[in-house]
Amino acid sequence: MNDDETLADALIAAEYETGRREKTEAGAKAHVAIRIARMTAGGVITLTGLAMMPLPGPGLPIVAIGLAILARDVAWAERLLGHVTDRIPTDDDGGISRSAIITMAMTGTAGILGSVWWFFLR
């Protein structure tokens, strides 16, 4: 048995022990693939949000979206999501304030337009 087969067997065994109970090995394999894709997407979105913190763009809300995706599979992401959402400015109703939305839209648009100008029009 090679390393790839050992890893696949370990992933399937872990899938049987955690999360939803899959009835077949094929279902467990499909759920492992979905979980890996979800974790990859959440990681990429979180890193994109972190890059937007010093750059133009809505950094904290993007980080919160990435952590929300990761929180379905990773416990530390759920704990960190609580801290990040506390830092996002909100209005009286608990939603993101109108001024924060306008600021994020303007800085995001300026960043995209600046990037297009820099790479294509200068």
N, C-alpha and C. Protein backbone atom coordinates (compact mmCIF):
# COMPACT_ATOMS: atom_id res chain seq x y z
N MET A 1 0.84 -1.17 0.00
CA MET A 1 0.00 0.00 0.00
C MET A 1 0.90 1.24 0.00
N ASN A 2 0.64 2.15 -0.93
CA ASN A 2 1.49 3.34 -1.00
C ASN A 2 0.91 4.46 -0.15
N ASP A 3 1.63 5.58 -0.11
CA ASP A 3 1.24 6.70 0.75
C ASP A 3 -0.09 7.31 0.35
N ASP A 4 -0.38 7.39 -0.97
CA ASP A 4 -1.64 7.97 -1.44
C ASP A 4 -2.84 7.15 -0.97
N GLU A 5 -2.71 5.84 -1.01
CA GLU A 5 -3.81 4.98 -0.56
C GLU A 5 -3.98 5.09 0.96
N THR A 6 -2.89 5.19 1.68
CA THR A 6 -2.96 5.34 3.14
C THR A 6 -3.64 6.66 3.50
N LEU A 7 -3.29 7.74 2.80
CA LEU A 7 -3.90 9.04 3.05
C LEU A 7 -5.39 9.00 2.72
N ALA A 8 -5.74 8.40 1.59
CA ALA A 8 -7.15 8.31 1.21
C ALA A 8 -7.94 7.51 2.24
N ASP A 9 -7.38 6.40 2.71
CA ASP A 9 -8.06 5.61 3.73
C ASP A 9 -8.23 6.39 5.02
N ALA A 10 -7.22 7.17 5.40
CA ALA A 10 -7.29 7.98 6.62
C ALA A 10 -8.36 9.07 6.48
N LEU A 11 -8.44 9.71 5.29
CA LEU A 11 -9.45 10.74 5.07
C LEU A 11 -10.86 10.16 5.16
N ILE A 12 -11.04 9.00 4.56
CA ILE A 12 -12.36 8.37 4.59
C ILE A 12 -12.73 7.96 6.01
N ALA A 13 -11.77 7.41 6.76
CA ALA A 13 -12.02 7.03 8.14
C ALA A 13 -12.39 8.25 8.99
N ALA A 14 -11.68 9.36 8.77
CA ALA A 14 -11.98 10.59 9.51
C ALA A 14 -13.36 11.12 9.14
N GLU A 15 -13.73 10.98 7.88
CA GLU A 15 -15.04 11.45 7.43
C GLU A 15 -16.15 10.62 8.06
N TYR A 16 -15.93 9.33 8.20
CA TYR A 16 -16.92 8.48 8.87
C TYR A 16 -17.09 8.88 10.33
N GLU A 17 -16.00 9.31 10.98
CA GLU A 17 -16.03 9.62 12.40
C GLU A 17 -16.53 11.02 12.70
N THR A 18 -16.42 11.95 11.76
CA THR A 18 -16.82 13.34 11.99
C THR A 18 -17.89 13.75 11.01
N GLY A 19 -18.53 14.82 11.32
CA GLY A 19 -19.51 15.39 10.39
C GLY A 19 -20.71 14.50 10.20
N ARG A 20 -21.31 14.61 9.04
CA ARG A 20 -22.47 13.80 8.71
C ARG A 20 -22.04 12.36 8.51
N ARG A 21 -22.90 11.46 8.83
CA ARG A 21 -22.62 10.03 8.62
C ARG A 21 -22.97 9.68 7.18
N GLU A 22 -21.98 9.28 6.45
CA GLU A 22 -22.19 8.86 5.07
C GLU A 22 -22.45 7.37 5.04
N LYS A 23 -23.38 6.95 4.20
CA LYS A 23 -23.75 5.54 4.16
C LYS A 23 -22.79 4.70 3.35
N THR A 24 -22.15 5.31 2.36
CA THR A 24 -21.26 4.55 1.49
C THR A 24 -19.88 5.20 1.45
N GLU A 25 -18.92 4.44 0.98
CA GLU A 25 -17.56 4.99 0.83
C GLU A 25 -17.54 6.07 -0.25
N ALA A 26 -18.34 5.89 -1.30
CA ALA A 26 -18.39 6.91 -2.36
C ALA A 26 -18.93 8.23 -1.81
N GLY A 27 -19.94 8.15 -0.94
CA GLY A 27 -20.48 9.37 -0.33
C GLY A 27 -19.45 10.04 0.56
N ALA A 28 -18.68 9.24 1.30
CA ALA A 28 -17.63 9.79 2.16
C ALA A 28 -16.55 10.46 1.32
N LYS A 29 -16.17 9.84 0.21
CA LYS A 29 -15.16 10.44 -0.68
C LYS A 29 -15.66 11.75 -1.26
N ALA A 30 -16.93 11.80 -1.66
CA ALA A 30 -17.48 13.04 -2.22
C ALA A 30 -17.51 14.14 -1.16
N HIS A 31 -17.86 13.78 0.08
CA HIS A 31 -17.91 14.79 1.12
C HIS A 31 -16.51 15.30 1.47
N VAL A 32 -15.49 14.44 1.40
CA VAL A 32 -14.12 14.87 1.63
C VAL A 32 -13.71 15.89 0.57
N ALA A 33 -14.07 15.62 -0.69
CA ALA A 33 -13.73 16.53 -1.78
C ALA A 33 -14.43 17.88 -1.58
N ILE A 34 -15.69 17.84 -1.16
CA ILE A 34 -16.43 19.09 -0.92
C ILE A 34 -15.79 19.86 0.23
N ARG A 35 -15.42 19.17 1.29
CA ARG A 35 -14.81 19.82 2.45
C ARG A 35 -13.47 20.46 2.07
N ILE A 36 -12.66 19.77 1.29
CA ILE A 36 -11.37 20.32 0.86
C ILE A 36 -11.58 21.55 -0.01
N ALA A 37 -12.56 21.48 -0.93
CA ALA A 37 -12.85 22.63 -1.79
C ALA A 37 -13.34 23.82 -0.96
N ARG A 38 -14.20 23.55 0.03
CA ARG A 38 -14.74 24.61 0.88
C ARG A 38 -13.61 25.25 1.70
N MET A 39 -12.72 24.44 2.23
CA MET A 39 -11.62 24.98 3.03
C MET A 39 -10.65 25.78 2.16
N THR A 40 -10.42 25.31 0.95
CA THR A 40 -9.54 26.05 0.03
C THR A 40 -10.15 27.39 -0.33
N ALA A 41 -11.43 27.40 -0.66
CA ALA A 41 -12.10 28.65 -1.01
C ALA A 41 -12.11 29.61 0.17
N GLY A 42 -12.41 29.11 1.36
CA GLY A 42 -12.40 29.96 2.54
C GLY A 42 -11.03 30.53 2.84
N GLY A 43 -10.00 29.73 2.65
CA GLY A 43 -8.63 30.21 2.86
C GLY A 43 -8.24 31.28 1.86
N VAL A 44 -8.59 31.08 0.60
CA VAL A 44 -8.25 32.07 -0.43
C VAL A 44 -8.99 33.38 -0.17
N ILE A 45 -10.27 33.29 0.18
CA ILE A 45 -11.04 34.50 0.44
C ILE A 45 -10.51 35.22 1.68
N THR A 46 -10.16 34.47 2.71
CA THR A 46 -9.60 35.09 3.92
C THR A 46 -8.28 35.78 3.62
N LEU A 47 -7.41 35.12 2.86
CA LEU A 47 -6.13 35.75 2.50
C LEU A 47 -6.33 36.98 1.63
N THR A 48 -7.32 36.94 0.74
CA THR A 48 -7.63 38.11 -0.09
C THR A 48 -8.07 39.27 0.79
N GLY A 49 -8.91 38.98 1.77
CA GLY A 49 -9.34 40.02 2.70
C GLY A 49 -8.20 40.59 3.51
N LEU A 50 -7.28 39.72 3.93
CA LEU A 50 -6.10 40.19 4.66
C LEU A 50 -5.24 41.09 3.79
N ALA A 51 -5.14 40.76 2.50
CA ALA A 51 -4.38 41.61 1.59
C ALA A 51 -5.06 42.95 1.38
N MET A 52 -6.39 42.97 1.49
CA MET A 52 -7.13 44.23 1.31
C MET A 52 -7.05 45.15 2.53
N MET A 53 -6.55 44.65 3.64
CA MET A 53 -6.47 45.49 4.83
C MET A 53 -5.60 46.73 4.57
N PRO A 54 -4.37 46.58 4.10
CA PRO A 54 -3.59 47.80 3.82
C PRO A 54 -3.87 48.36 2.43
N LEU A 55 -4.43 47.55 1.54
CA LEU A 55 -4.73 47.99 0.18
C LEU A 55 -6.16 48.51 0.12
N PRO A 56 -6.52 49.20 -0.97
CA PRO A 56 -7.91 49.66 -1.09
C PRO A 56 -8.85 48.47 -1.19
N GLY A 57 -9.91 48.52 -0.45
CA GLY A 57 -10.91 47.46 -0.51
C GLY A 57 -11.48 47.16 0.86
N PRO A 58 -12.60 46.45 0.88
CA PRO A 58 -13.27 46.14 2.15
C PRO A 58 -12.63 44.94 2.83
N GLY A 59 -11.53 45.13 3.53
CA GLY A 59 -10.76 44.05 4.11
C GLY A 59 -11.49 43.23 5.16
N LEU A 60 -12.03 43.88 6.20
CA LEU A 60 -12.68 43.14 7.29
C LEU A 60 -13.91 42.35 6.83
N PRO A 61 -14.81 42.91 6.03
CA PRO A 61 -15.94 42.09 5.59
C PRO A 61 -15.53 40.89 4.75
N ILE A 62 -14.49 41.03 3.92
CA ILE A 62 -14.02 39.92 3.11
C ILE A 62 -13.39 38.85 4.01
N VAL A 63 -12.63 39.27 5.00
CA VAL A 63 -12.06 38.32 5.96
C VAL A 63 -13.19 37.59 6.68
N ALA A 64 -14.24 38.32 7.06
CA ALA A 64 -15.38 37.70 7.75
C ALA A 64 -16.07 36.67 6.86
N ILE A 65 -16.21 36.96 5.58
CA ILE A 65 -16.81 35.99 4.66
C ILE A 65 -15.95 34.74 4.55
N GLY A 66 -14.64 34.92 4.40
CA GLY A 66 -13.74 33.77 4.32
C GLY A 66 -13.76 32.93 5.59
N LEU A 67 -13.77 33.60 6.74
CA LEU A 67 -13.82 32.87 8.01
C LEU A 67 -15.15 32.16 8.20
N ALA A 68 -16.23 32.76 7.71
CA ALA A 68 -17.54 32.10 7.81
C ALA A 68 -17.56 30.81 7.00
N ILE A 69 -16.90 30.82 5.85
CA ILE A 69 -16.81 29.60 5.04
C ILE A 69 -15.94 28.57 5.75
N LEU A 70 -14.82 29.02 6.30
CA LEU A 70 -13.92 28.10 7.02
C LEU A 70 -14.54 27.57 8.31
N ALA A 71 -15.41 28.35 8.93
CA ALA A 71 -15.96 27.98 10.24
C ALA A 71 -16.80 26.71 10.19
N ARG A 72 -17.26 26.32 9.02
CA ARG A 72 -18.03 25.08 8.91
C ARG A 72 -17.16 23.86 9.17
N ASP A 73 -15.84 24.00 8.98
CA ASP A 73 -14.94 22.86 9.09
C ASP A 73 -13.84 23.03 10.12
N VAL A 74 -13.54 24.26 10.52
CA VAL A 74 -12.40 24.52 11.38
C VAL A 74 -12.86 25.32 12.60
N ALA A 75 -12.57 24.80 13.79
CA ALA A 75 -13.05 25.42 15.03
C ALA A 75 -12.41 26.79 15.27
N TRP A 76 -11.12 26.96 14.98
CA TRP A 76 -10.46 28.22 15.26
C TRP A 76 -11.03 29.34 14.40
N ALA A 77 -11.51 29.02 13.20
CA ALA A 77 -12.08 30.04 12.33
C ALA A 77 -13.38 30.58 12.92
N GLU A 78 -14.15 29.70 13.56
CA GLU A 78 -15.40 30.14 14.19
C GLU A 78 -15.13 31.09 15.35
N ARG A 79 -14.11 30.79 16.15
CA ARG A 79 -13.75 31.67 17.26
C ARG A 79 -13.23 33.01 16.75
N LEU A 80 -12.39 32.98 15.72
CA LEU A 80 -11.83 34.20 15.16
C LEU A 80 -12.91 35.04 14.46
N LEU A 81 -13.90 34.38 13.89
CA LEU A 81 -14.99 35.09 13.22
C LEU A 81 -15.73 35.99 14.20
N GLY A 82 -15.91 35.52 15.42
CA GLY A 82 -16.56 36.36 16.43
C GLY A 82 -15.78 37.63 16.71
N HIS A 83 -14.47 37.54 16.77
CA HIS A 83 -13.63 38.72 17.02
C HIS A 83 -13.67 39.67 15.82
N VAL A 84 -13.64 39.12 14.61
CA VAL A 84 -13.64 39.96 13.41
C VAL A 84 -14.97 40.69 13.26
N THR A 85 -16.08 39.98 13.47
CA THR A 85 -17.38 40.64 13.30
C THR A 85 -17.60 41.72 14.35
N ASP A 86 -16.97 41.61 15.51
CA ASP A 86 -17.07 42.67 16.51
C ASP A 86 -16.35 43.94 16.06
N ARG A 87 -15.38 43.81 15.18
CA ARG A 87 -14.59 44.95 14.72
C ARG A 87 -15.23 45.68 13.54
N ILE A 88 -16.20 45.04 12.86
CA ILE A 88 -16.85 45.66 11.71
C ILE A 88 -17.81 46.73 12.21
N PRO A 89 -17.71 47.95 11.68
CA PRO A 89 -18.61 49.02 12.16
C PRO A 89 -20.06 48.71 11.81
N THR A 90 -20.98 48.87 12.78
CA THR A 90 -22.39 48.57 12.56
C THR A 90 -23.24 49.78 12.92
N ASP A 91 -24.48 49.77 12.42
CA ASP A 91 -25.42 50.83 12.78
C ASP A 91 -26.29 50.37 13.95
N ASP A 92 -27.35 51.08 14.24
CA ASP A 92 -28.20 50.77 15.38
C ASP A 92 -28.92 49.43 15.25
N ASP A 93 -29.19 49.01 14.01
CA ASP A 93 -29.90 47.74 13.78
C ASP A 93 -28.98 46.53 13.81
N GLY A 94 -27.68 46.74 13.93
CA GLY A 94 -26.73 45.64 13.96
C GLY A 94 -26.13 45.31 12.60
N GLY A 95 -26.60 45.97 11.55
CA GLY A 95 -26.03 45.76 10.22
C GLY A 95 -24.84 46.67 9.99
N ILE A 96 -24.22 46.50 8.86
CA ILE A 96 -23.10 47.37 8.50
C ILE A 96 -23.64 48.75 8.19
N SER A 97 -23.03 49.76 8.76
CA SER A 97 -23.54 51.12 8.58
C SER A 97 -23.45 51.56 7.13
N ARG A 98 -24.34 52.48 6.77
CA ARG A 98 -24.39 52.98 5.39
C ARG A 98 -23.07 53.66 5.00
N SER A 99 -22.48 54.40 5.93
CA SER A 99 -21.22 55.07 5.61
C SER A 99 -20.10 54.06 5.38
N ALA A 100 -20.12 52.94 6.12
CA ALA A 100 -19.09 51.92 5.91
C ALA A 100 -19.28 51.25 4.55
N ILE A 101 -20.53 51.00 4.15
CA ILE A 101 -20.79 50.39 2.85
C ILE A 101 -20.35 51.32 1.73
N ILE A 102 -20.66 52.60 1.85
CA ILE A 102 -20.26 53.57 0.83
C ILE A 102 -18.73 53.67 0.76
N THR A 103 -18.08 53.71 1.91
CA THR A 103 -16.62 53.79 1.93
C THR A 103 -16.00 52.55 1.29
N MET A 104 -16.52 51.37 1.61
CA MET A 104 -15.99 50.13 1.02
C MET A 104 -16.21 50.10 -0.49
N ALA A 105 -17.39 50.53 -0.93
CA ALA A 105 -17.68 50.53 -2.36
C ALA A 105 -16.77 51.51 -3.10
N MET A 106 -16.57 52.69 -2.52
CA MET A 106 -15.72 53.69 -3.17
C MET A 106 -14.26 53.25 -3.22
N THR A 107 -13.74 52.73 -2.11
CA THR A 107 -12.33 52.31 -2.12
C THR A 107 -12.13 51.07 -2.99
N GLY A 108 -13.10 50.17 -3.01
CA GLY A 108 -13.00 49.00 -3.88
C GLY A 108 -13.01 49.40 -5.35
N THR A 109 -13.93 50.31 -5.69
CA THR A 109 -14.00 50.80 -7.08
C THR A 109 -12.73 51.54 -7.46
N ALA A 110 -12.23 52.38 -6.57
CA ALA A 110 -10.99 53.11 -6.85
C ALA A 110 -9.83 52.14 -7.03
N GLY A 111 -9.78 51.10 -6.22
CA GLY A 111 -8.71 50.11 -6.36
C GLY A 111 -8.77 49.37 -7.69
N ILE A 112 -9.98 48.98 -8.09
CA ILE A 112 -10.14 48.27 -9.37
C ILE A 112 -9.80 49.20 -10.53
N LEU A 113 -10.31 50.43 -10.51
CA LEU A 113 -10.01 51.37 -11.59
C LEU A 113 -8.52 51.70 -11.64
N GLY A 114 -7.90 51.87 -10.48
CA GLY A 114 -6.46 52.11 -10.45
C GLY A 114 -5.67 50.94 -11.01
N SER A 115 -6.09 49.73 -10.70
CA SER A 115 -5.41 48.54 -11.23
C SER A 115 -5.57 48.43 -12.73
N VAL A 116 -6.78 48.69 -13.23
CA VAL A 116 -7.01 48.65 -14.68
C VAL A 116 -6.15 49.70 -15.36
N TRP A 117 -6.12 50.90 -14.82
CA TRP A 117 -5.31 51.94 -15.42
C TRP A 117 -3.83 51.55 -15.40
N TRP A 118 -3.36 51.04 -14.27
CA TRP A 118 -1.95 50.69 -14.12
C TRP A 118 -1.51 49.62 -15.09
N PHE A 119 -2.32 48.59 -15.26
CA PHE A 119 -1.90 47.46 -16.08
C PHE A 119 -2.26 47.60 -17.56
N PHE A 120 -3.29 48.36 -17.90
CA PHE A 120 -3.73 48.37 -19.28
C PHE A 120 -3.65 49.72 -19.98
N LEU A 121 -3.79 50.82 -19.25
CA LEU A 121 -3.94 52.11 -19.91
C LEU A 121 -2.77 53.07 -19.76
N ARG A 122 -1.81 52.75 -18.95
CA ARG A 122 -0.74 53.73 -18.77
C ARG A 122 0.26 53.67 -19.87
